[in-house]
Protein backbone atom coordinates (compact mmCIF):
# COMPACT_ATOMS: atom_id res chain seq x y z
CA MET A 1 109.37 132.70 75.47
CA PRO A 2 108.20 134.28 78.94
CA SER A 3 109.97 137.21 78.47
CA GLY A 4 109.82 139.70 75.28
CA LEU A 5 112.99 140.68 75.66
CA SER A 6 114.48 138.05 73.74
CA ARG A 7 112.11 138.06 71.15
CA GLU A 8 111.44 142.48 70.28
CA ARG A 9 115.53 142.96 71.16
CA PRO A 10 116.90 142.67 68.08
CA PHE A 11 114.21 144.23 65.88
CA SER A 12 113.73 147.13 68.51
CA GLY A 13 114.03 150.87 67.34
CA PHE A 14 112.55 154.35 67.43
CA GLY A 15 110.24 155.29 65.30
CA GLU A 16 112.60 154.78 61.92
CA THR A 17 115.91 154.63 63.33
CA GLU A 18 116.56 150.49 64.50
CA PHE A 19 118.80 149.70 67.23
CA TYR A 20 120.05 147.08 65.79
CA PRO A 21 120.28 147.61 62.31
CA SER A 22 122.86 145.03 60.58
CA PRO A 23 122.08 141.43 60.42
CA GLU A 24 125.07 141.05 62.50
CA GLU A 25 124.27 143.50 65.43
CA LYS A 26 120.30 141.29 65.23
CA ALA A 27 122.44 138.83 65.43
CA ALA A 28 123.77 139.30 68.09
CA ALA A 29 121.26 140.69 70.45
CA ILE A 30 119.32 137.43 70.03
CA LEU A 31 122.80 135.14 71.59
CA GLU A 32 123.12 137.74 74.16
CA SER A 33 119.40 137.82 75.22
CA VAL A 34 118.35 135.01 75.25
CA VAL A 35 122.31 133.77 76.16
CA LYS A 36 122.24 135.87 79.37
CA ASN A 37 118.60 136.23 80.55
CA HIS A 38 117.80 132.18 80.20
CA PRO A 39 114.80 132.43 78.90
CA PHE A 40 114.00 128.24 79.48
CA ILE A 41 115.37 126.53 82.46
CA ASP A 42 117.32 124.47 79.93
CA GLY A 43 118.80 125.17 76.54
CA ASN A 44 118.86 128.98 77.02
CA LYS A 45 122.70 128.47 74.97
CA ARG A 46 121.92 126.30 71.96
CA THR A 47 118.44 128.52 71.57
CA GLY A 48 120.24 131.13 71.08
CA TYR A 49 123.29 130.24 69.29
CA VAL A 50 120.42 128.89 66.83
CA LEU A 51 118.32 131.70 66.39
CA MET A 52 121.58 133.56 66.56
CA ARG A 53 122.15 130.74 63.34
CA LEU A 54 118.99 131.59 61.48
CA LEU A 55 118.58 135.39 61.28
CA LEU A 56 122.06 135.64 60.16
CA LEU A 57 120.43 133.02 57.33
CA GLU A 58 117.46 134.84 56.78
CA TYR A 59 120.14 137.72 55.48
CA GLY A 60 121.59 135.69 53.61
CA GLN A 61 125.33 135.28 55.97
CA ASP A 62 126.64 132.32 57.41
CA LEU A 63 129.24 131.14 60.20
CA GLU A 64 132.69 129.98 59.02
CA ALA A 65 133.74 128.80 62.56
CA THR A 66 134.72 125.60 64.07
CA GLY A 67 133.07 124.03 66.35
CA ASP A 68 135.33 124.57 68.81
CA GLU A 69 135.06 128.67 67.91
CA LYS A 70 131.33 127.97 67.82
CA TYR A 71 131.76 126.85 71.55
CA ASP A 72 134.19 128.99 72.96
CA PHE A 73 131.96 131.56 71.32
CA VAL A 74 129.14 131.16 73.48
CA ILE A 75 130.76 130.13 76.06
CA ALA A 76 132.64 133.66 76.63
CA VAL A 77 129.13 134.96 76.05
CA ALA A 78 126.97 133.30 78.75
CA SER A 79 130.27 133.92 81.24
CA GLY A 80 130.02 137.92 80.28
CA LYS A 81 133.87 137.52 78.72
CA MET A 82 132.45 139.45 75.84
CA ILE A 83 130.71 143.06 75.77
CA PHE A 84 128.36 143.28 73.26
CA ALA A 85 130.21 145.05 70.93
CA GLU A 86 132.73 142.32 70.63
CA ILE A 87 129.56 138.99 69.70
CA VAL A 88 129.34 141.77 66.78
CA ASP A 89 133.03 141.86 66.00
CA TRP A 90 132.92 138.02 65.99
CA ILE A 91 129.47 137.97 64.70
CA ARG A 92 131.69 139.84 61.16
CA GLN A 93 134.61 138.41 61.57
CA LYS A 94 133.23 134.72 60.94
CA THR A 95 130.32 135.84 58.52
CA LYS A 96 130.44 135.25 55.31
CA ARG A 97 128.19 135.04 52.40
CA ILE A 98 126.06 131.94 51.52
CA LYS A 99 124.00 131.24 48.03
CA THR A 100 120.39 131.58 48.03
CA GLY A 101 117.64 130.71 45.65
CA GLY A 102 117.87 129.19 42.39
């Protein structure tokens, strides 16, 4: 990625304090960074969405939303209609725990 912003932001902090301690905050940070900073020529919204989902899955969570809800959410983020706190809230409302392992 041309900019370290997108890759490092979800896991950044100062000393022992994480700026984005929860999985939902990390997911929101990666989505917002990729969608708004446009590190790629094309596919930033898709890439940001996939990275958000992968990060949630790493923490045993997944989105429970319709395709239209997911689309509208990513477009709202990309167009600047949602601030970071609203992105986090949407993710918290739409995530569910998933079973992991055998």
